[in-house]
């Protein structure tokens, strides 16, 4: 089981202090336990596992979010700049999304990428 403190450290390193501070400030009694669970189990357990490096984990996350059309896609595209994902690598990830999840999903993801990452 992960550690909340370790999860918070990794979450801040990947997503940035501004996002994490805003997320924590907006937490309510309803979602605070869920945010703490995510911080402990996703960031403090999954993201610290040494099997995949952060760059690879970031690309996998983008591919899944793009394929599913999830709201967090832009956040993770911005975060991929801190994990070292290049534009060329991002384009390849999104082309994989096109082949394996469909062109509309990749089209949407390319649109989000243009908005989320500086050119």
N, C-alpha and C. Protein backbone atom coordinates (compact mmCIF):
# COMPACT_ATOMS: atom_id res chain seq x y z
N UNK A 1 0.84 -1.19 0.00
CA UNK A 1 0.00 0.00 0.00
C UNK A 1 0.88 1.24 0.00
N UNK A 2 0.44 2.23 -0.72
CA UNK A 2 1.21 3.45 -0.88
C UNK A 2 1.15 4.36 0.33
N UNK A 3 1.93 5.38 0.25
CA UNK A 3 2.01 6.39 1.30
C UNK A 3 1.39 7.69 0.79
N UNK A 4 0.57 8.31 1.62
CA UNK A 4 -0.03 9.59 1.24
C UNK A 4 1.05 10.63 0.99
N UNK A 5 2.02 10.72 1.89
CA UNK A 5 3.07 11.73 1.74
C UNK A 5 3.89 11.51 0.47
N UNK A 6 4.23 10.25 0.19
CA UNK A 6 4.96 9.94 -1.04
C UNK A 6 4.09 10.26 -2.26
N UNK A 7 2.82 9.92 -2.18
CA UNK A 7 1.90 10.22 -3.26
C UNK A 7 1.77 11.71 -3.51
N UNK A 8 1.71 12.49 -2.45
CA UNK A 8 1.61 13.94 -2.60
C UNK A 8 2.88 14.50 -3.24
N UNK A 9 4.03 13.95 -2.86
CA UNK A 9 5.29 14.41 -3.44
C UNK A 9 5.31 14.13 -4.94
N UNK A 10 4.97 12.91 -5.34
CA UNK A 10 5.00 12.53 -6.76
C UNK A 10 3.93 13.30 -7.52
N UNK A 11 2.77 13.42 -6.95
CA UNK A 11 1.67 14.17 -7.59
C UNK A 11 2.10 15.60 -7.88
N UNK A 12 2.76 16.23 -6.92
CA UNK A 12 3.25 17.60 -7.12
C UNK A 12 4.34 17.66 -8.19
N UNK A 13 5.24 16.68 -8.18
CA UNK A 13 6.32 16.66 -9.17
C UNK A 13 5.79 16.49 -10.59
N UNK A 14 4.76 15.67 -10.75
CA UNK A 14 4.24 15.38 -12.08
C UNK A 14 3.22 16.43 -12.53
N UNK A 15 2.26 16.75 -11.68
CA UNK A 15 1.15 17.63 -12.07
C UNK A 15 1.41 19.11 -11.76
N UNK A 16 2.33 19.38 -10.86
CA UNK A 16 2.65 20.76 -10.50
C UNK A 16 1.92 21.21 -9.24
N UNK A 17 2.59 22.06 -8.49
CA UNK A 17 2.03 22.57 -7.24
C UNK A 17 0.72 23.31 -7.45
N UNK A 18 0.64 24.09 -8.51
CA UNK A 18 -0.57 24.89 -8.76
C UNK A 18 -1.81 24.01 -8.88
N UNK A 19 -1.70 22.95 -9.67
CA UNK A 19 -2.85 22.04 -9.84
C UNK A 19 -3.20 21.36 -8.52
N UNK A 20 -2.19 20.84 -7.84
CA UNK A 20 -2.45 20.10 -6.60
C UNK A 20 -3.02 21.03 -5.53
N UNK A 21 -2.46 22.23 -5.41
CA UNK A 21 -2.99 23.18 -4.43
C UNK A 21 -4.44 23.53 -4.73
N UNK A 22 -4.76 23.75 -6.00
CA UNK A 22 -6.13 24.07 -6.39
C UNK A 22 -7.06 22.89 -6.10
N UNK A 23 -6.62 21.69 -6.42
CA UNK A 23 -7.41 20.50 -6.16
C UNK A 23 -7.69 20.33 -4.67
N UNK A 24 -6.68 20.52 -3.87
CA UNK A 24 -6.85 20.35 -2.42
C UNK A 24 -7.73 21.47 -1.85
N UNK A 25 -7.58 22.68 -2.35
CA UNK A 25 -8.40 23.80 -1.87
C UNK A 25 -9.87 23.63 -2.24
N UNK A 26 -10.13 22.98 -3.37
CA UNK A 26 -11.51 22.77 -3.83
C UNK A 26 -12.15 21.51 -3.27
N UNK A 27 -11.39 20.72 -2.53
CA UNK A 27 -11.93 19.47 -1.98
C UNK A 27 -13.04 19.77 -0.98
N UNK A 28 -14.04 18.90 -1.00
CA UNK A 28 -15.16 19.03 -0.07
C UNK A 28 -15.23 17.76 0.78
N UNK A 29 -16.12 17.77 1.74
CA UNK A 29 -16.31 16.57 2.55
C UNK A 29 -16.72 15.39 1.69
N UNK A 30 -17.39 15.66 0.58
CA UNK A 30 -17.83 14.60 -0.32
C UNK A 30 -16.65 13.93 -1.02
N UNK A 31 -15.75 14.72 -1.59
CA UNK A 31 -14.69 14.13 -2.42
C UNK A 31 -13.31 14.07 -1.78
N UNK A 32 -13.12 14.70 -0.61
CA UNK A 32 -11.81 14.68 0.04
C UNK A 32 -11.30 13.25 0.29
N UNK A 33 -12.13 12.34 0.80
CA UNK A 33 -11.63 10.97 0.99
C UNK A 33 -11.19 10.31 -0.34
N UNK A 34 -11.89 10.60 -1.43
CA UNK A 34 -11.52 10.05 -2.73
C UNK A 34 -10.19 10.63 -3.20
N UNK A 35 -10.00 11.94 -3.03
CA UNK A 35 -8.74 12.58 -3.41
C UNK A 35 -7.59 12.01 -2.59
N UNK A 36 -7.82 11.79 -1.31
CA UNK A 36 -6.78 11.20 -0.46
C UNK A 36 -6.48 9.77 -0.90
N UNK A 37 -7.51 9.01 -1.29
CA UNK A 37 -7.33 7.65 -1.77
C UNK A 37 -6.49 7.65 -3.06
N UNK A 38 -6.84 8.55 -4.00
CA UNK A 38 -6.08 8.67 -5.25
C UNK A 38 -4.62 9.02 -4.95
N UNK A 39 -4.42 9.99 -4.06
CA UNK A 39 -3.07 10.42 -3.73
C UNK A 39 -2.25 9.26 -3.16
N UNK A 40 -2.86 8.48 -2.29
CA UNK A 40 -2.16 7.36 -1.66
C UNK A 40 -1.96 6.21 -2.62
N UNK A 41 -3.00 5.79 -3.30
CA UNK A 41 -2.95 4.55 -4.08
C UNK A 41 -2.49 4.72 -5.52
N UNK A 42 -2.88 5.80 -6.15
CA UNK A 42 -2.46 6.02 -7.53
C UNK A 42 -1.07 6.65 -7.55
N UNK A 43 -0.91 7.77 -6.85
CA UNK A 43 0.37 8.48 -6.88
C UNK A 43 1.40 7.88 -5.93
N UNK A 44 0.97 7.41 -4.76
CA UNK A 44 1.90 6.89 -3.77
C UNK A 44 2.22 5.42 -3.91
N UNK A 45 1.51 4.72 -4.78
CA UNK A 45 1.76 3.29 -4.99
C UNK A 45 2.07 3.02 -6.46
N UNK A 46 1.12 3.28 -7.34
CA UNK A 46 1.30 2.98 -8.76
C UNK A 46 2.41 3.81 -9.40
N UNK A 47 2.37 5.13 -9.23
CA UNK A 47 3.34 6.00 -9.90
C UNK A 47 4.76 5.88 -9.34
N UNK A 48 4.92 5.33 -8.16
CA UNK A 48 6.28 5.17 -7.61
C UNK A 48 6.87 3.80 -7.90
N UNK A 49 6.07 2.87 -8.42
CA UNK A 49 6.58 1.55 -8.76
C UNK A 49 7.68 1.69 -9.82
N UNK A 50 8.86 1.12 -9.57
CA UNK A 50 9.99 1.31 -10.49
C UNK A 50 9.90 0.51 -11.80
N UNK A 51 8.88 -0.30 -11.97
CA UNK A 51 8.78 -1.12 -13.17
C UNK A 51 8.68 -0.26 -14.43
N UNK A 52 7.92 0.83 -14.35
CA UNK A 52 7.81 1.79 -15.46
C UNK A 52 8.35 3.13 -15.00
N UNK A 53 9.13 3.79 -15.87
CA UNK A 53 9.58 5.13 -15.51
C UNK A 53 8.42 6.12 -15.72
N UNK A 54 8.59 7.32 -15.21
CA UNK A 54 7.51 8.31 -15.28
C UNK A 54 7.15 8.67 -16.72
N UNK A 55 8.13 8.75 -17.58
CA UNK A 55 7.86 9.09 -18.98
C UNK A 55 6.95 8.04 -19.62
N UNK A 56 7.28 6.77 -19.43
CA UNK A 56 6.46 5.69 -19.98
C UNK A 56 5.07 5.71 -19.35
N UNK A 57 5.02 5.87 -18.04
CA UNK A 57 3.75 5.90 -17.33
C UNK A 57 2.88 7.06 -17.84
N UNK A 58 3.51 8.18 -18.11
CA UNK A 58 2.81 9.35 -18.63
C UNK A 58 2.22 9.05 -20.01
N UNK A 59 3.00 8.40 -20.87
CA UNK A 59 2.51 8.08 -22.22
C UNK A 59 1.37 7.07 -22.16
N UNK A 60 1.48 6.08 -21.29
CA UNK A 60 0.39 5.10 -21.13
C UNK A 60 -0.87 5.80 -20.64
N UNK A 61 -0.72 6.70 -19.68
CA UNK A 61 -1.87 7.43 -19.13
C UNK A 61 -2.55 8.25 -20.22
N UNK A 62 -1.77 8.94 -21.02
CA UNK A 62 -2.32 9.75 -22.12
C UNK A 62 -3.06 8.85 -23.11
N UNK A 63 -2.48 7.72 -23.46
CA UNK A 63 -3.14 6.82 -24.41
C UNK A 63 -4.49 6.34 -23.88
N UNK A 64 -4.52 5.96 -22.61
CA UNK A 64 -5.78 5.47 -22.04
C UNK A 64 -6.81 6.59 -21.96
N UNK A 65 -6.39 7.75 -21.48
CA UNK A 65 -7.33 8.87 -21.36
C UNK A 65 -7.83 9.31 -22.73
N UNK A 66 -6.96 9.31 -23.73
CA UNK A 66 -7.37 9.68 -25.09
C UNK A 66 -8.36 8.67 -25.64
N UNK A 67 -8.06 7.40 -25.44
CA UNK A 67 -8.94 6.34 -25.96
C UNK A 67 -10.32 6.41 -25.32
N UNK A 68 -10.36 6.78 -24.05
CA UNK A 68 -11.63 6.85 -23.34
C UNK A 68 -12.30 8.23 -23.41
N UNK A 69 -11.56 9.22 -23.93
CA UNK A 69 -12.11 10.57 -24.03
C UNK A 69 -12.35 11.23 -22.68
N UNK A 70 -11.44 11.04 -21.75
CA UNK A 70 -11.63 11.54 -20.39
C UNK A 70 -11.14 12.97 -20.20
N UNK A 71 -11.76 13.64 -19.28
CA UNK A 71 -11.49 15.05 -18.97
C UNK A 71 -10.04 15.31 -18.56
N UNK A 72 -9.41 14.37 -17.90
CA UNK A 72 -8.05 14.57 -17.39
C UNK A 72 -6.98 14.57 -18.48
N UNK A 73 -7.38 14.37 -19.73
CA UNK A 73 -6.41 14.28 -20.82
C UNK A 73 -5.52 15.52 -20.91
N UNK A 74 -6.10 16.71 -20.90
CA UNK A 74 -5.29 17.93 -21.02
C UNK A 74 -4.33 18.06 -19.85
N UNK A 75 -4.79 17.75 -18.65
CA UNK A 75 -3.92 17.80 -17.47
C UNK A 75 -2.70 16.91 -17.66
N UNK A 76 -2.91 15.69 -18.13
CA UNK A 76 -1.79 14.77 -18.29
C UNK A 76 -0.93 15.11 -19.50
N UNK A 77 -1.49 15.77 -20.50
CA UNK A 77 -0.66 16.23 -21.61
C UNK A 77 0.27 17.34 -21.15
N UNK A 78 -0.25 18.26 -20.33
CA UNK A 78 0.62 19.29 -19.76
C UNK A 78 1.67 18.65 -18.86
N UNK A 79 1.25 17.71 -18.04
CA UNK A 79 2.18 17.05 -17.11
C UNK A 79 3.26 16.27 -17.87
N UNK A 80 2.94 15.80 -19.06
CA UNK A 80 3.93 15.02 -19.81
C UNK A 80 5.16 15.86 -20.18
N UNK A 81 5.02 17.16 -20.14
CA UNK A 81 6.20 18.02 -20.35
C UNK A 81 7.19 17.83 -19.20
N UNK A 82 6.70 17.64 -17.98
CA UNK A 82 7.58 17.44 -16.83
C UNK A 82 8.15 16.03 -16.78
N UNK A 83 7.50 15.09 -17.45
CA UNK A 83 8.01 13.71 -17.45
C UNK A 83 8.91 13.45 -18.66
N UNK A 84 9.10 14.45 -19.51
CA UNK A 84 10.05 14.32 -20.61
C UNK A 84 9.49 13.80 -21.92
N UNK A 85 8.17 13.75 -22.07
CA UNK A 85 7.59 13.28 -23.32
C UNK A 85 7.76 14.36 -24.39
N UNK A 86 8.35 14.00 -25.50
CA UNK A 86 8.54 14.95 -26.59
C UNK A 86 7.30 15.03 -27.47
N UNK A 87 7.23 16.05 -28.29
CA UNK A 87 6.12 16.16 -29.23
C UNK A 87 6.08 14.96 -30.17
N UNK A 88 7.24 14.51 -30.62
CA UNK A 88 7.29 13.35 -31.53
C UNK A 88 6.76 12.09 -30.84
N UNK A 89 7.13 11.90 -29.58
CA UNK A 89 6.63 10.74 -28.83
C UNK A 89 5.12 10.86 -28.60
N UNK A 90 4.66 12.05 -28.27
CA UNK A 90 3.23 12.26 -28.07
C UNK A 90 2.47 11.96 -29.35
N UNK A 91 2.99 12.41 -30.48
CA UNK A 91 2.33 12.14 -31.76
C UNK A 91 2.24 10.63 -32.01
N UNK A 92 3.29 9.88 -31.69
CA UNK A 92 3.26 8.43 -31.88
C UNK A 92 2.23 7.77 -30.96
N UNK A 93 2.16 8.24 -29.72
CA UNK A 93 1.16 7.71 -28.78
C UNK A 93 -0.24 7.93 -29.35
N UNK A 94 -0.49 9.13 -29.85
CA UNK A 94 -1.83 9.45 -30.37
C UNK A 94 -2.12 8.70 -31.67
N UNK A 95 -1.09 8.42 -32.46
CA UNK A 95 -1.31 7.60 -33.65
C UNK A 95 -1.66 6.17 -33.25
N UNK A 96 -1.07 5.67 -32.17
CA UNK A 96 -1.45 4.36 -31.65
C UNK A 96 -2.91 4.38 -31.19
N UNK A 97 -3.30 5.47 -30.57
CA UNK A 97 -4.70 5.61 -30.17
C UNK A 97 -5.60 5.53 -31.40
N UNK A 98 -5.20 6.19 -32.48
CA UNK A 98 -6.00 6.16 -33.71
C UNK A 98 -6.18 4.74 -34.22
N UNK A 99 -5.10 3.97 -34.22
CA UNK A 99 -5.16 2.61 -34.74
C UNK A 99 -5.95 1.68 -33.82
N UNK A 100 -5.71 1.79 -32.53
CA UNK A 100 -6.28 0.81 -31.60
C UNK A 100 -7.56 1.26 -30.92
N UNK A 101 -7.84 2.57 -30.90
CA UNK A 101 -9.06 3.05 -30.25
C UNK A 101 -9.96 3.81 -31.21
N UNK A 102 -9.44 4.15 -32.38
CA UNK A 102 -10.25 4.82 -33.39
C UNK A 102 -9.79 6.22 -33.69
N UNK A 103 -9.97 6.60 -34.94
CA UNK A 103 -9.56 7.91 -35.41
C UNK A 103 -10.27 9.05 -34.66
N UNK A 104 -11.57 8.96 -34.38
CA UNK A 104 -12.20 10.06 -33.64
C UNK A 104 -11.56 10.31 -32.27
N UNK A 105 -11.17 9.26 -31.57
CA UNK A 105 -10.51 9.44 -30.27
C UNK A 105 -9.16 10.13 -30.44
N UNK A 106 -8.39 9.73 -31.43
CA UNK A 106 -7.09 10.35 -31.67
C UNK A 106 -7.25 11.79 -32.16
N UNK A 107 -8.23 12.04 -33.02
CA UNK A 107 -8.51 13.39 -33.50
C UNK A 107 -8.76 14.32 -32.33
N UNK A 108 -9.62 13.89 -31.42
CA UNK A 108 -9.92 14.68 -30.22
C UNK A 108 -8.65 14.89 -29.39
N UNK A 109 -7.85 13.85 -29.23
CA UNK A 109 -6.64 13.94 -28.43
C UNK A 109 -5.63 14.90 -29.06
N UNK A 110 -5.48 14.88 -30.38
CA UNK A 110 -4.60 15.85 -31.03
C UNK A 110 -5.09 17.28 -30.79
N UNK A 111 -6.39 17.48 -30.83
CA UNK A 111 -6.96 18.80 -30.55
C UNK A 111 -6.62 19.24 -29.12
N UNK A 112 -6.79 18.33 -28.16
CA UNK A 112 -6.46 18.64 -26.77
C UNK A 112 -4.97 18.93 -26.64
N UNK A 113 -4.14 18.16 -27.31
CA UNK A 113 -2.67 18.36 -27.25
C UNK A 113 -2.29 19.75 -27.74
N UNK A 114 -2.89 20.20 -28.82
CA UNK A 114 -2.57 21.53 -29.34
C UNK A 114 -2.94 22.61 -28.34
N UNK A 115 -4.00 22.41 -27.59
CA UNK A 115 -4.42 23.39 -26.60
C UNK A 115 -3.63 23.29 -25.29
N UNK A 116 -3.21 22.09 -24.94
CA UNK A 116 -2.59 21.85 -23.62
C UNK A 116 -1.08 22.06 -23.61
N UNK A 117 -0.43 21.97 -24.75
CA UNK A 117 1.02 22.06 -24.80
C UNK A 117 1.43 23.22 -25.69
N UNK A 118 2.43 23.98 -25.26
CA UNK A 118 2.89 25.10 -26.09
C UNK A 118 3.51 24.58 -27.39
N UNK A 119 3.35 25.34 -28.44
CA UNK A 119 3.91 24.90 -29.73
C UNK A 119 5.31 25.40 -29.93
